[in-house]
Amino acid sequence: MKDVPFTFELNKPDFIPTEYYNHIKRSLSAMKGQFWDREAYNRLLAIEDIVLYEVYEIKRPEMAGELLHGISIVHPGKVGEEYFMTKGHFHTVLETAEVYYCQKGQGVMVMETPEGDWAVEPLNPGRVLYVLPRWAHRSVNTSSEEDLVTFFVYPGNAGHDYGTIEEHGFRKMVIDRNGRPTITDNPRWSAPDRRK
């Protein structure tokens, strides 16, 4: 990690940073239990453990005062009717916001709070999304042809809580209905026990 101010480029068409410290690849097998159509999931996995999304991290210390940032790339595709998506997460420090800037593609951000509020906001090039503190969030690529590319930034001490979403899912999901993205209730969602 650098100890002086630094710059990097996000060059078209892929927007992969010219400098990064970590490249994460999330494959279909890493998303077990996240898609509603489990038969479609198993059929696709039997053919290939395809990469659904990638993250390029520009690493900084995970501490207050720092800003962690990088690029997220969600590839096009579907499991049954459900579009490829990220795992989605709350922040470990729940009172933490995050900013996303869409560089390329078409998609949505699915969000919800522990109290039951939810929102789905479009992502397209040039659009900035501010995810408020307490809101879990998941990127969904609704394009059939191109990657959904976003630049993200969040506080260094935020942390990631993937477990709550892995166990309970999101209240809403985005599916392809007659060639159009459609928001619907997620049948696999279950309410977390807030007494824990």
N, C-alpha and C. Protein backbone atom coordinates (compact mmCIF):
# COMPACT_ATOMS: atom_id res chain seq x y z
N MET A 1 0.84 -1.19 0.00
CA MET A 1 0.00 0.00 0.00
C MET A 1 0.88 1.25 0.00
N LYS A 2 0.43 2.24 -0.72
CA LYS A 2 1.21 3.47 -0.82
C LYS A 2 1.01 4.36 0.40
N ASP A 3 2.05 5.09 0.76
CA ASP A 3 1.96 6.01 1.89
C ASP A 3 2.05 7.47 1.45
N VAL A 4 1.75 7.69 0.16
CA VAL A 4 1.65 9.04 -0.39
C VAL A 4 0.38 9.09 -1.24
N PRO A 5 -0.18 10.28 -1.52
CA PRO A 5 -1.35 10.35 -2.40
C PRO A 5 -1.06 9.65 -3.74
N PHE A 6 -2.10 9.02 -4.32
CA PHE A 6 -1.88 8.24 -5.53
C PHE A 6 -3.07 8.39 -6.48
N THR A 7 -2.84 8.04 -7.72
CA THR A 7 -3.88 8.04 -8.74
C THR A 7 -3.87 6.70 -9.46
N PHE A 8 -4.98 6.41 -10.16
CA PHE A 8 -5.04 5.25 -11.04
C PHE A 8 -6.09 5.56 -12.11
N GLU A 9 -6.07 4.80 -13.17
CA GLU A 9 -6.99 5.03 -14.29
C GLU A 9 -8.03 3.91 -14.33
N LEU A 10 -9.23 4.26 -14.79
CA LEU A 10 -10.29 3.29 -15.07
C LEU A 10 -10.59 3.40 -16.57
N ASN A 11 -9.88 2.61 -17.36
CA ASN A 11 -9.94 2.76 -18.81
C ASN A 11 -11.03 1.90 -19.44
N LYS A 12 -11.73 2.48 -20.42
CA LYS A 12 -12.70 1.72 -21.20
C LYS A 12 -11.95 0.70 -22.05
N PRO A 13 -12.57 -0.40 -22.45
CA PRO A 13 -13.99 -0.71 -22.24
C PRO A 13 -14.28 -1.47 -20.94
N ASP A 14 -13.23 -1.98 -20.27
CA ASP A 14 -13.47 -2.86 -19.12
C ASP A 14 -13.40 -2.17 -17.76
N PHE A 15 -12.76 -1.00 -17.69
CA PHE A 15 -12.65 -0.21 -16.46
C PHE A 15 -11.89 -0.93 -15.34
N ILE A 16 -11.04 -1.88 -15.70
CA ILE A 16 -10.19 -2.53 -14.70
C ILE A 16 -9.13 -1.52 -14.27
N PRO A 17 -8.96 -1.29 -12.98
CA PRO A 17 -7.99 -0.28 -12.52
C PRO A 17 -6.57 -0.59 -13.00
N THR A 18 -5.83 0.45 -13.32
CA THR A 18 -4.44 0.24 -13.74
C THR A 18 -3.59 -0.27 -12.58
N GLU A 19 -4.01 -0.02 -11.35
CA GLU A 19 -3.35 -0.57 -10.17
C GLU A 19 -4.40 -1.12 -9.22
N TYR A 20 -4.18 -2.33 -8.74
CA TYR A 20 -5.06 -2.91 -7.73
C TYR A 20 -4.26 -3.93 -6.93
N TYR A 21 -4.77 -4.30 -5.75
CA TYR A 21 -4.04 -5.17 -4.85
C TYR A 21 -4.70 -6.53 -4.67
N ASN A 22 -5.94 -6.65 -5.04
CA ASN A 22 -6.64 -7.91 -4.83
C ASN A 22 -7.69 -8.08 -5.92
N HIS A 23 -7.74 -9.26 -6.52
CA HIS A 23 -8.73 -9.58 -7.55
C HIS A 23 -9.55 -10.77 -7.06
N ILE A 24 -10.82 -10.52 -6.74
CA ILE A 24 -11.72 -11.56 -6.25
C ILE A 24 -12.60 -12.04 -7.40
N LYS A 25 -12.71 -13.35 -7.55
CA LYS A 25 -13.63 -13.95 -8.54
C LYS A 25 -14.65 -14.78 -7.79
N ARG A 26 -15.94 -14.44 -7.95
CA ARG A 26 -17.01 -15.21 -7.31
C ARG A 26 -17.69 -16.06 -8.38
N SER A 27 -17.59 -17.36 -8.21
CA SER A 27 -18.18 -18.29 -9.17
C SER A 27 -19.56 -18.73 -8.70
N LEU A 28 -20.23 -19.48 -9.55
CA LEU A 28 -21.57 -19.96 -9.26
C LEU A 28 -21.59 -20.79 -7.98
N SER A 29 -20.57 -21.61 -7.76
CA SER A 29 -20.54 -22.46 -6.56
C SER A 29 -20.48 -21.63 -5.27
N ALA A 30 -19.94 -20.41 -5.34
CA ALA A 30 -19.87 -19.53 -4.17
C ALA A 30 -21.22 -18.90 -3.85
N MET A 31 -22.20 -19.08 -4.73
CA MET A 31 -23.53 -18.49 -4.55
C MET A 31 -24.59 -19.54 -4.22
N LYS A 32 -24.15 -20.66 -3.71
CA LYS A 32 -25.08 -21.74 -3.36
C LYS A 32 -26.15 -21.23 -2.42
N GLY A 33 -27.41 -21.52 -2.73
CA GLY A 33 -28.54 -21.13 -1.89
C GLY A 33 -29.04 -19.72 -2.12
N GLN A 34 -28.38 -18.94 -2.99
CA GLN A 34 -28.78 -17.54 -3.20
C GLN A 34 -29.82 -17.36 -4.30
N PHE A 35 -29.90 -18.31 -5.22
CA PHE A 35 -30.87 -18.22 -6.32
C PHE A 35 -32.11 -19.06 -5.99
N TRP A 36 -33.26 -18.53 -6.36
CA TRP A 36 -34.52 -19.19 -6.02
C TRP A 36 -34.66 -20.53 -6.73
N ASP A 37 -34.36 -20.59 -8.04
CA ASP A 37 -34.56 -21.80 -8.83
C ASP A 37 -33.36 -22.74 -8.63
N ARG A 38 -33.47 -23.60 -7.65
CA ARG A 38 -32.33 -24.47 -7.31
C ARG A 38 -32.07 -25.52 -8.38
N GLU A 39 -33.11 -25.96 -9.09
CA GLU A 39 -32.90 -26.91 -10.18
C GLU A 39 -32.11 -26.27 -11.30
N ALA A 40 -32.46 -25.04 -11.67
CA ALA A 40 -31.72 -24.32 -12.70
C ALA A 40 -30.28 -24.07 -12.25
N TYR A 41 -30.10 -23.75 -10.97
CA TYR A 41 -28.76 -23.55 -10.41
C TYR A 41 -27.93 -24.82 -10.56
N ASN A 42 -28.48 -25.96 -10.17
CA ASN A 42 -27.74 -27.22 -10.23
C ASN A 42 -27.44 -27.63 -11.66
N ARG A 43 -28.38 -27.40 -12.59
CA ARG A 43 -28.13 -27.71 -14.00
C ARG A 43 -26.97 -26.89 -14.54
N LEU A 44 -26.98 -25.59 -14.25
CA LEU A 44 -25.92 -24.71 -14.74
C LEU A 44 -24.58 -25.07 -14.11
N LEU A 45 -24.57 -25.37 -12.83
CA LEU A 45 -23.34 -25.72 -12.13
C LEU A 45 -22.76 -27.03 -12.67
N ALA A 46 -23.63 -27.96 -13.08
CA ALA A 46 -23.16 -29.24 -13.63
C ALA A 46 -22.43 -29.04 -14.96
N ILE A 47 -22.79 -27.97 -15.68
CA ILE A 47 -22.13 -27.68 -16.95
C ILE A 47 -20.81 -26.96 -16.73
N GLU A 48 -20.83 -25.93 -15.88
CA GLU A 48 -19.63 -25.13 -15.64
C GLU A 48 -19.80 -24.29 -14.37
N ASP A 49 -18.72 -24.18 -13.61
CA ASP A 49 -18.71 -23.30 -12.44
C ASP A 49 -18.31 -21.90 -12.91
N ILE A 50 -19.22 -21.25 -13.61
CA ILE A 50 -18.97 -19.98 -14.28
C ILE A 50 -18.74 -18.84 -13.28
N VAL A 51 -17.90 -17.89 -13.65
CA VAL A 51 -17.66 -16.71 -12.82
C VAL A 51 -18.82 -15.74 -13.02
N LEU A 52 -19.50 -15.37 -11.93
CA LEU A 52 -20.64 -14.46 -11.99
C LEU A 52 -20.20 -13.01 -11.85
N TYR A 53 -19.23 -12.77 -10.95
CA TYR A 53 -18.75 -11.39 -10.79
C TYR A 53 -17.33 -11.37 -10.26
N GLU A 54 -16.70 -10.20 -10.46
CA GLU A 54 -15.32 -10.00 -10.04
C GLU A 54 -15.21 -8.66 -9.32
N VAL A 55 -14.26 -8.58 -8.41
CA VAL A 55 -13.99 -7.34 -7.67
C VAL A 55 -12.50 -7.06 -7.72
N TYR A 56 -12.16 -5.84 -8.10
CA TYR A 56 -10.77 -5.38 -8.07
C TYR A 56 -10.64 -4.37 -6.94
N GLU A 57 -9.87 -4.73 -5.91
CA GLU A 57 -9.75 -3.88 -4.72
C GLU A 57 -8.46 -3.06 -4.76
N ILE A 58 -8.59 -1.77 -4.50
CA ILE A 58 -7.44 -0.92 -4.26
C ILE A 58 -7.30 -0.88 -2.74
N LYS A 59 -6.44 -1.70 -2.22
CA LYS A 59 -6.39 -1.98 -0.79
C LYS A 59 -5.88 -0.79 0.02
N ARG A 60 -6.53 -0.55 1.15
CA ARG A 60 -6.12 0.43 2.15
C ARG A 60 -6.30 -0.20 3.52
N PRO A 61 -5.71 0.36 4.56
CA PRO A 61 -5.90 -0.19 5.90
C PRO A 61 -7.38 -0.20 6.29
N GLU A 62 -7.81 -1.27 6.92
CA GLU A 62 -9.21 -1.41 7.33
C GLU A 62 -9.40 -0.72 8.68
N MET A 63 -9.40 0.61 8.64
CA MET A 63 -9.50 1.40 9.87
C MET A 63 -10.26 2.70 9.59
N ALA A 64 -10.82 3.27 10.65
CA ALA A 64 -11.53 4.55 10.53
C ALA A 64 -10.58 5.59 9.95
N GLY A 65 -11.11 6.44 9.08
CA GLY A 65 -10.32 7.47 8.44
C GLY A 65 -9.86 7.10 7.05
N GLU A 66 -9.79 5.81 6.75
CA GLU A 66 -9.44 5.35 5.41
C GLU A 66 -10.71 5.11 4.59
N LEU A 67 -10.56 5.09 3.27
CA LEU A 67 -11.65 4.76 2.35
C LEU A 67 -11.24 3.57 1.50
N LEU A 68 -11.95 2.47 1.65
CA LEU A 68 -11.72 1.31 0.81
C LEU A 68 -12.49 1.51 -0.49
N HIS A 69 -11.90 1.08 -1.62
CA HIS A 69 -12.54 1.35 -2.90
C HIS A 69 -12.06 0.37 -3.95
N GLY A 70 -12.78 0.35 -5.07
CA GLY A 70 -12.42 -0.56 -6.15
C GLY A 70 -13.50 -0.64 -7.20
N ILE A 71 -13.42 -1.67 -8.01
CA ILE A 71 -14.35 -1.89 -9.12
C ILE A 71 -15.04 -3.23 -8.95
N SER A 72 -16.36 -3.24 -9.16
CA SER A 72 -17.15 -4.47 -9.17
C SER A 72 -17.65 -4.70 -10.59
N ILE A 73 -17.49 -5.92 -11.10
CA ILE A 73 -17.94 -6.27 -12.45
C ILE A 73 -18.85 -7.48 -12.36
N VAL A 74 -20.14 -7.28 -12.62
CA VAL A 74 -21.11 -8.39 -12.63
C VAL A 74 -21.35 -8.76 -14.09
N HIS A 75 -21.07 -10.01 -14.42
CA HIS A 75 -21.20 -10.47 -15.81
C HIS A 75 -22.67 -10.73 -16.15
N PRO A 76 -23.02 -10.70 -17.44
CA PRO A 76 -24.40 -10.97 -17.84
C PRO A 76 -24.72 -12.46 -17.77
N GLY A 77 -25.96 -12.75 -17.47
CA GLY A 77 -26.41 -14.14 -17.44
C GLY A 77 -27.56 -14.30 -16.47
N LYS A 78 -28.14 -15.50 -16.46
CA LYS A 78 -29.27 -15.79 -15.57
C LYS A 78 -29.18 -17.21 -15.04
N VAL A 79 -29.74 -17.40 -13.86
CA VAL A 79 -29.99 -18.71 -13.29
C VAL A 79 -31.51 -18.85 -13.28
N GLY A 80 -32.04 -19.65 -14.20
CA GLY A 80 -33.49 -19.67 -14.42
C GLY A 80 -33.91 -18.30 -14.92
N GLU A 81 -34.85 -17.67 -14.22
CA GLU A 81 -35.30 -16.32 -14.59
C GLU A 81 -34.54 -15.22 -13.85
N GLU A 82 -33.69 -15.60 -12.90
CA GLU A 82 -33.04 -14.63 -12.02
C GLU A 82 -31.68 -14.21 -12.59
N TYR A 83 -31.46 -12.91 -12.65
CA TYR A 83 -30.23 -12.38 -13.22
C TYR A 83 -29.02 -12.67 -12.32
N PHE A 84 -27.83 -12.71 -12.95
CA PHE A 84 -26.60 -12.81 -12.19
C PHE A 84 -26.50 -11.61 -11.24
N MET A 85 -25.93 -11.83 -10.05
CA MET A 85 -25.90 -10.81 -9.00
C MET A 85 -24.71 -11.05 -8.09
N THR A 86 -24.46 -10.09 -7.22
CA THR A 86 -23.44 -10.27 -6.19
C THR A 86 -24.06 -10.94 -4.97
N LYS A 87 -23.20 -11.40 -4.05
CA LYS A 87 -23.70 -12.01 -2.82
C LYS A 87 -24.57 -11.04 -2.04
N GLY A 88 -24.14 -9.80 -1.99
CA GLY A 88 -24.85 -8.81 -1.19
C GLY A 88 -24.45 -8.90 0.26
N HIS A 89 -24.53 -7.77 0.96
CA HIS A 89 -24.06 -7.73 2.34
C HIS A 89 -24.63 -6.53 3.10
N PHE A 90 -24.68 -6.67 4.41
CA PHE A 90 -24.73 -5.56 5.33
C PHE A 90 -23.27 -5.22 5.63
N HIS A 91 -23.03 -4.07 6.22
CA HIS A 91 -21.71 -3.80 6.77
C HIS A 91 -21.70 -4.27 8.22
N THR A 92 -20.55 -4.78 8.66
CA THR A 92 -20.42 -5.23 10.04
C THR A 92 -20.70 -4.07 10.99
N VAL A 93 -20.15 -2.90 10.68
CA VAL A 93 -20.54 -1.68 11.38
C VAL A 93 -21.79 -1.19 10.67
N LEU A 94 -22.95 -1.53 11.21
CA LEU A 94 -24.22 -1.32 10.50
C LEU A 94 -24.44 0.13 10.10
N GLU A 95 -23.99 1.05 10.92
CA GLU A 95 -24.18 2.48 10.64
C GLU A 95 -23.10 2.99 9.67
N THR A 96 -22.99 2.33 8.53
CA THR A 96 -21.98 2.66 7.52
C THR A 96 -22.64 2.80 6.16
N ALA A 97 -22.31 3.89 5.46
CA ALA A 97 -22.82 4.12 4.11
C ALA A 97 -21.80 3.64 3.07
N GLU A 98 -22.24 3.60 1.82
CA GLU A 98 -21.35 3.25 0.70
C GLU A 98 -21.83 4.00 -0.54
N VAL A 99 -20.89 4.38 -1.40
CA VAL A 99 -21.21 5.07 -2.64
C VAL A 99 -20.82 4.20 -3.83
N TYR A 100 -21.72 4.12 -4.81
CA TYR A 100 -21.46 3.40 -6.06
C TYR A 100 -21.61 4.37 -7.24
N TYR A 101 -20.69 4.27 -8.18
CA TYR A 101 -20.76 5.06 -9.42
C TYR A 101 -20.73 4.08 -10.58
N CYS A 102 -21.80 4.05 -11.37
CA CYS A 102 -21.90 3.11 -12.48
C CYS A 102 -21.08 3.59 -13.67
N GLN A 103 -20.19 2.75 -14.15
CA GLN A 103 -19.32 3.05 -15.28
C GLN A 103 -19.85 2.48 -16.59
N LYS A 104 -20.52 1.32 -16.51
CA LYS A 104 -20.90 0.60 -17.73
C LYS A 104 -22.04 -0.36 -17.42
N GLY A 105 -22.92 -0.57 -18.40
CA GLY A 105 -23.94 -1.60 -18.31
C GLY A 105 -25.27 -1.10 -17.77
N GLN A 106 -26.14 -2.06 -17.52
CA GLN A 106 -27.48 -1.79 -17.00
C GLN A 106 -27.77 -2.77 -15.87
N GLY A 107 -28.30 -2.24 -14.79
CA GLY A 107 -28.62 -3.11 -13.68
C GLY A 107 -29.39 -2.38 -12.61
N VAL A 108 -29.47 -3.00 -11.46
CA VAL A 108 -30.15 -2.40 -10.31
C VAL A 108 -29.38 -2.75 -9.04
N MET A 109 -29.61 -1.96 -8.01
CA MET A 109 -29.12 -2.28 -6.67
C MET A 109 -30.34 -2.62 -5.82
N VAL A 110 -30.36 -3.83 -5.29
CA VAL A 110 -31.43 -4.28 -4.39
C VAL A 110 -30.95 -4.00 -2.97
N MET A 111 -31.80 -3.33 -2.17
CA MET A 111 -31.40 -2.91 -0.83
C MET A 111 -32.52 -3.16 0.18
N GLU A 112 -32.12 -3.31 1.44
CA GLU A 112 -33.11 -3.44 2.52
C GLU A 112 -32.46 -3.14 3.86
N THR A 113 -33.30 -2.83 4.84
CA THR A 113 -32.84 -2.58 6.21
C THR A 113 -33.28 -3.73 7.11
N PRO A 114 -32.66 -3.86 8.28
CA PRO A 114 -33.13 -4.87 9.22
C PRO A 114 -34.57 -4.64 9.68
N GLU A 115 -35.02 -3.37 9.60
CA GLU A 115 -36.38 -3.03 10.05
C GLU A 115 -37.45 -3.36 9.03
N GLY A 116 -37.07 -3.72 7.79
CA GLY A 116 -38.06 -4.12 6.80
C GLY A 116 -38.24 -3.17 5.63
N ASP A 117 -37.59 -2.02 5.64
CA ASP A 117 -37.65 -1.13 4.48
C ASP A 117 -36.86 -1.76 3.33
N TRP A 118 -37.28 -1.50 2.10
CA TRP A 118 -36.54 -2.00 0.95
C TRP A 118 -36.61 -0.99 -0.19
N ALA A 119 -35.66 -1.09 -1.10
CA ALA A 119 -35.61 -0.22 -2.27
C ALA A 119 -34.84 -0.93 -3.37
N VAL A 120 -35.18 -0.62 -4.61
CA VAL A 120 -34.44 -1.10 -5.78
C VAL A 120 -34.19 0.10 -6.67
N GLU A 121 -32.92 0.44 -6.89
CA GLU A 121 -32.55 1.62 -7.67
C GLU A 121 -31.81 1.21 -8.93
N PRO A 122 -32.13 1.87 -10.08
CA PRO A 122 -31.44 1.53 -11.33
C PRO A 122 -29.98 1.98 -11.32
N LEU A 123 -29.16 1.22 -12.02
CA LEU A 123 -27.76 1.54 -12.25
C LEU A 123 -27.52 1.60 -13.75
N ASN A 124 -27.04 2.74 -14.23
CA ASN A 124 -26.65 2.88 -15.63
C ASN A 124 -25.52 3.89 -15.68
N PRO A 125 -24.77 3.94 -16.78
CA PRO A 125 -23.56 4.76 -16.82
C PRO A 125 -23.79 6.22 -16.42
N GLY A 126 -22.94 6.69 -15.52
CA GLY A 126 -23.02 8.06 -15.03
C GLY A 126 -23.87 8.24 -13.79
N ARG A 127 -24.59 7.20 -13.37
CA ARG A 127 -25.48 7.29 -12.21
C ARG A 127 -24.71 6.99 -10.93
N VAL A 128 -24.90 7.83 -9.93
CA VAL A 128 -24.28 7.66 -8.62
C VAL A 128 -25.36 7.21 -7.63
N LEU A 129 -25.05 6.20 -6.85
CA LEU A 129 -25.99 5.70 -5.85
C LEU A 129 -25.36 5.82 -4.47
N TYR A 130 -26.06 6.46 -3.56
CA TYR A 130 -25.63 6.56 -2.16
C TYR A 130 -26.44 5.56 -1.35
N VAL A 131 -25.77 4.53 -0.85
CA VAL A 131 -26.43 3.53 0.00
C VAL A 131 -26.31 4.00 1.44
N LEU A 132 -27.45 4.28 2.06
CA LEU A 132 -27.48 4.80 3.42
C LEU A 132 -26.96 3.78 4.43
N PRO A 133 -26.53 4.26 5.61
CA PRO A 133 -26.20 3.33 6.70
C PRO A 133 -27.40 2.43 7.00
N ARG A 134 -27.13 1.21 7.42
CA ARG A 134 -28.11 0.20 7.81
C ARG A 134 -28.72 -0.55 6.63
N TRP A 135 -28.37 -0.19 5.40
CA TRP A 135 -28.98 -0.82 4.23
C TRP A 135 -28.06 -1.89 3.63
N ALA A 136 -28.53 -3.13 3.65
CA ALA A 136 -27.84 -4.19 2.90
C ALA A 136 -28.00 -3.89 1.41
N HIS A 137 -27.07 -4.37 0.59
CA HIS A 137 -27.14 -4.05 -0.83
C HIS A 137 -26.52 -5.16 -1.67
N ARG A 138 -27.10 -5.33 -2.87
CA ARG A 138 -26.70 -6.37 -3.83
C ARG A 138 -26.84 -5.80 -5.24
N SER A 139 -25.79 -5.92 -6.04
CA SER A 139 -25.83 -5.48 -7.44
C SER A 139 -26.38 -6.60 -8.32
N VAL A 140 -27.24 -6.24 -9.26
CA VAL A 140 -27.86 -7.20 -10.19
C VAL A 140 -27.65 -6.69 -11.61
N ASN A 141 -27.11 -7.52 -12.49
CA ASN A 141 -26.90 -7.15 -13.89
C ASN A 141 -28.12 -7.56 -14.70
N THR A 142 -28.89 -6.60 -15.20
CA THR A 142 -30.11 -6.90 -15.95
C THR A 142 -29.88 -6.88 -17.46
N SER A 143 -28.64 -6.72 -17.90
CA SER A 143 -28.33 -6.76 -19.33
C SER A 143 -28.09 -8.20 -19.76
N SER A 144 -28.44 -8.51 -20.99
CA SER A 144 -28.18 -9.85 -21.52
C SER A 144 -26.86 -9.91 -22.27
N GLU A 145 -26.20 -8.75 -22.44
CA GLU A 145 -25.03 -8.72 -23.31
C GLU A 145 -23.77 -8.16 -22.68
N GLU A 146 -23.86 -7.20 -21.75
CA GLU A 146 -22.64 -6.56 -21.28
C GLU A 146 -22.53 -6.57 -19.76
N ASP A 147 -21.28 -6.40 -19.31
CA ASP A 147 -21.00 -6.35 -17.88
C ASP A 147 -21.64 -5.13 -17.23
N LEU A 148 -21.97 -5.26 -15.95
CA LEU A 148 -22.35 -4.14 -15.11
C LEU A 148 -21.13 -3.77 -14.30
N VAL A 149 -20.58 -2.57 -14.52
CA VAL A 149 -19.34 -2.15 -13.88
C VAL A 149 -19.63 -0.95 -12.98
N THR A 150 -19.27 -1.07 -11.70
CA THR A 150 -19.45 0.03 -10.75
C THR A 150 -18.15 0.28 -9.98
N PHE A 151 -17.90 1.55 -9.69
CA PHE A 151 -16.83 1.95 -8.78
C PHE A 151 -17.48 2.14 -7.41
N PHE A 152 -16.86 1.61 -6.35
CA PHE A 152 -17.43 1.71 -5.02
C PHE A 152 -16.42 2.31 -4.05
N VAL A 153 -16.93 2.94 -2.99
CA VAL A 153 -16.06 3.46 -1.92
C VAL A 153 -16.84 3.44 -0.61
N TYR A 154 -16.16 3.00 0.47
CA TYR A 154 -16.80 2.93 1.78
C TYR A 154 -15.74 3.05 2.87
N PRO A 155 -16.13 3.39 4.10
CA PRO A 155 -15.17 3.59 5.19
C PRO A 155 -14.35 2.34 5.48
N GLY A 156 -13.09 2.56 5.82
CA GLY A 156 -12.16 1.46 6.02
C GLY A 156 -12.50 0.51 7.14
N ASN A 157 -13.27 0.95 8.13
CA ASN A 157 -13.60 0.10 9.27
C ASN A 157 -14.98 -0.54 9.14
N ALA A 158 -15.61 -0.48 7.96
CA ALA A 158 -17.01 -0.92 7.79
C ALA A 158 -17.19 -2.42 7.96
N GLY A 159 -16.30 -3.22 7.40
CA GLY A 159 -16.44 -4.67 7.43
C GLY A 159 -17.60 -5.15 6.57
N HIS A 160 -17.73 -6.46 6.41
CA HIS A 160 -18.79 -7.06 5.60
C HIS A 160 -19.47 -8.18 6.36
N ASP A 161 -20.79 -8.13 6.40
CA ASP A 161 -21.61 -9.20 6.97
C ASP A 161 -22.34 -9.87 5.80
N TYR A 162 -21.74 -10.94 5.27
CA TYR A 162 -22.37 -11.72 4.20
C TYR A 162 -23.32 -12.78 4.78
N GLY A 163 -23.04 -13.20 6.01
CA GLY A 163 -23.77 -14.32 6.60
C GLY A 163 -25.27 -14.10 6.73
N THR A 164 -25.68 -12.89 7.10
CA THR A 164 -27.12 -12.63 7.26
C THR A 164 -27.86 -12.84 5.94
N ILE A 165 -27.28 -12.34 4.85
CA ILE A 165 -27.92 -12.49 3.54
C ILE A 165 -27.85 -13.95 3.08
N GLU A 166 -26.72 -14.62 3.29
CA GLU A 166 -26.62 -16.03 2.91
C GLU A 166 -27.69 -16.87 3.60
N GLU A 167 -27.97 -16.55 4.86
CA GLU A 167 -28.94 -17.34 5.63
C GLU A 167 -30.38 -16.97 5.32
N HIS A 168 -30.66 -15.67 5.13
CA HIS A 168 -32.05 -15.22 5.03
C HIS A 168 -32.45 -14.70 3.65
N GLY A 169 -31.47 -14.33 2.80
CA GLY A 169 -31.78 -13.77 1.49
C GLY A 169 -32.22 -12.32 1.59
N PHE A 170 -32.53 -11.73 0.45
CA PHE A 170 -33.13 -10.40 0.37
C PHE A 170 -34.65 -10.54 0.22
N ARG A 171 -35.39 -9.55 0.71
CA ARG A 171 -36.85 -9.57 0.61
C ARG A 171 -37.32 -9.57 -0.84
N LYS A 172 -36.58 -8.87 -1.69
CA LYS A 172 -36.96 -8.73 -3.09
C LYS A 172 -35.91 -9.36 -3.99
N MET A 173 -36.34 -9.83 -5.15
CA MET A 173 -35.43 -10.33 -6.16
C MET A 173 -35.84 -9.76 -7.50
N VAL A 174 -34.91 -9.80 -8.45
CA VAL A 174 -35.15 -9.24 -9.78
C VAL A 174 -35.05 -10.38 -10.78
N ILE A 175 -36.15 -10.58 -11.53
CA ILE A 175 -36.21 -11.67 -12.50
C ILE A 175 -36.57 -11.13 -13.88
N ASP A 176 -36.31 -11.95 -14.88
CA ASP A 176 -36.66 -11.64 -16.27
C ASP A 176 -38.08 -12.14 -16.52
N ARG A 177 -39.00 -11.20 -16.76
CA ARG A 177 -40.38 -11.55 -17.12
C ARG A 177 -40.66 -10.98 -18.49
N ASN A 178 -40.79 -11.85 -19.48
CA ASN A 178 -41.07 -11.44 -20.85
C ASN A 178 -40.03 -10.44 -21.37
N GLY A 179 -38.76 -10.69 -21.01
CA GLY A 179 -37.67 -9.85 -21.50
C GLY A 179 -37.47 -8.55 -20.74
N ARG A 180 -38.18 -8.38 -19.61
CA ARG A 180 -38.04 -7.14 -18.83
C ARG A 180 -37.71 -7.46 -17.38
N PRO A 181 -36.80 -6.67 -16.78
CA PRO A 181 -36.52 -6.87 -15.35
C PRO A 181 -37.75 -6.55 -14.50
N THR A 182 -38.07 -7.46 -13.61
CA THR A 182 -39.27 -7.33 -12.78
C THR A 182 -38.90 -7.59 -11.33
N ILE A 183 -39.34 -6.70 -10.45
CA ILE A 183 -39.10 -6.85 -9.01
C ILE A 183 -40.23 -7.70 -8.43
N THR A 184 -39.87 -8.69 -7.66
CA THR A 184 -40.87 -9.57 -7.06
C THR A 184 -40.43 -9.97 -5.66
N ASP A 185 -41.38 -10.45 -4.85
CA ASP A 185 -41.03 -10.98 -3.54
C ASP A 185 -40.13 -12.20 -3.70
N ASN A 186 -39.21 -12.37 -2.78
CA ASN A 186 -38.30 -13.51 -2.80
C ASN A 186 -38.90 -14.62 -1.94
N PRO A 187 -39.32 -15.73 -2.55
CA PRO A 187 -39.95 -16.80 -1.77
C PRO A 187 -39.02 -17.44 -0.75
N ARG A 188 -37.70 -17.32 -0.94
CA ARG A 188 -36.78 -17.95 0.00
C ARG A 188 -36.37 -17.03 1.14
N TRP A 189 -36.87 -15.78 1.15
CA TRP A 189 -36.52 -14.86 2.22
C TRP A 189 -37.14 -15.30 3.54
N SER A 190 -36.37 -15.17 4.62
CA SER A 190 -36.89 -15.44 5.96
C SER A 190 -36.43 -14.30 6.87
N ALA A 191 -37.28 -13.93 7.81
CA ALA A 191 -36.96 -12.81 8.71
C ALA A 191 -35.88 -13.22 9.69
N PRO A 192 -34.80 -12.41 9.79
CA PRO A 192 -33.79 -12.71 10.81
C PRO A 192 -34.37 -12.54 12.21
N ASP A 193 -33.87 -13.35 13.14
CA ASP A 193 -34.28 -13.23 14.54
C ASP A 193 -33.54 -12.05 15.14
N ARG A 194 -34.24 -10.93 15.38
CA ARG A 194 -33.61 -9.71 15.87
C ARG A 194 -33.25 -9.77 17.36
N ARG A 195 -33.65 -10.89 18.01
CA ARG A 195 -33.32 -11.03 19.43
C ARG A 195 -31.87 -11.46 19.62
N LYS A 196 -31.21 -11.91 18.55
CA LYS A 196 -29.82 -12.37 18.66
C LYS A 196 -28.89 -11.21 18.87
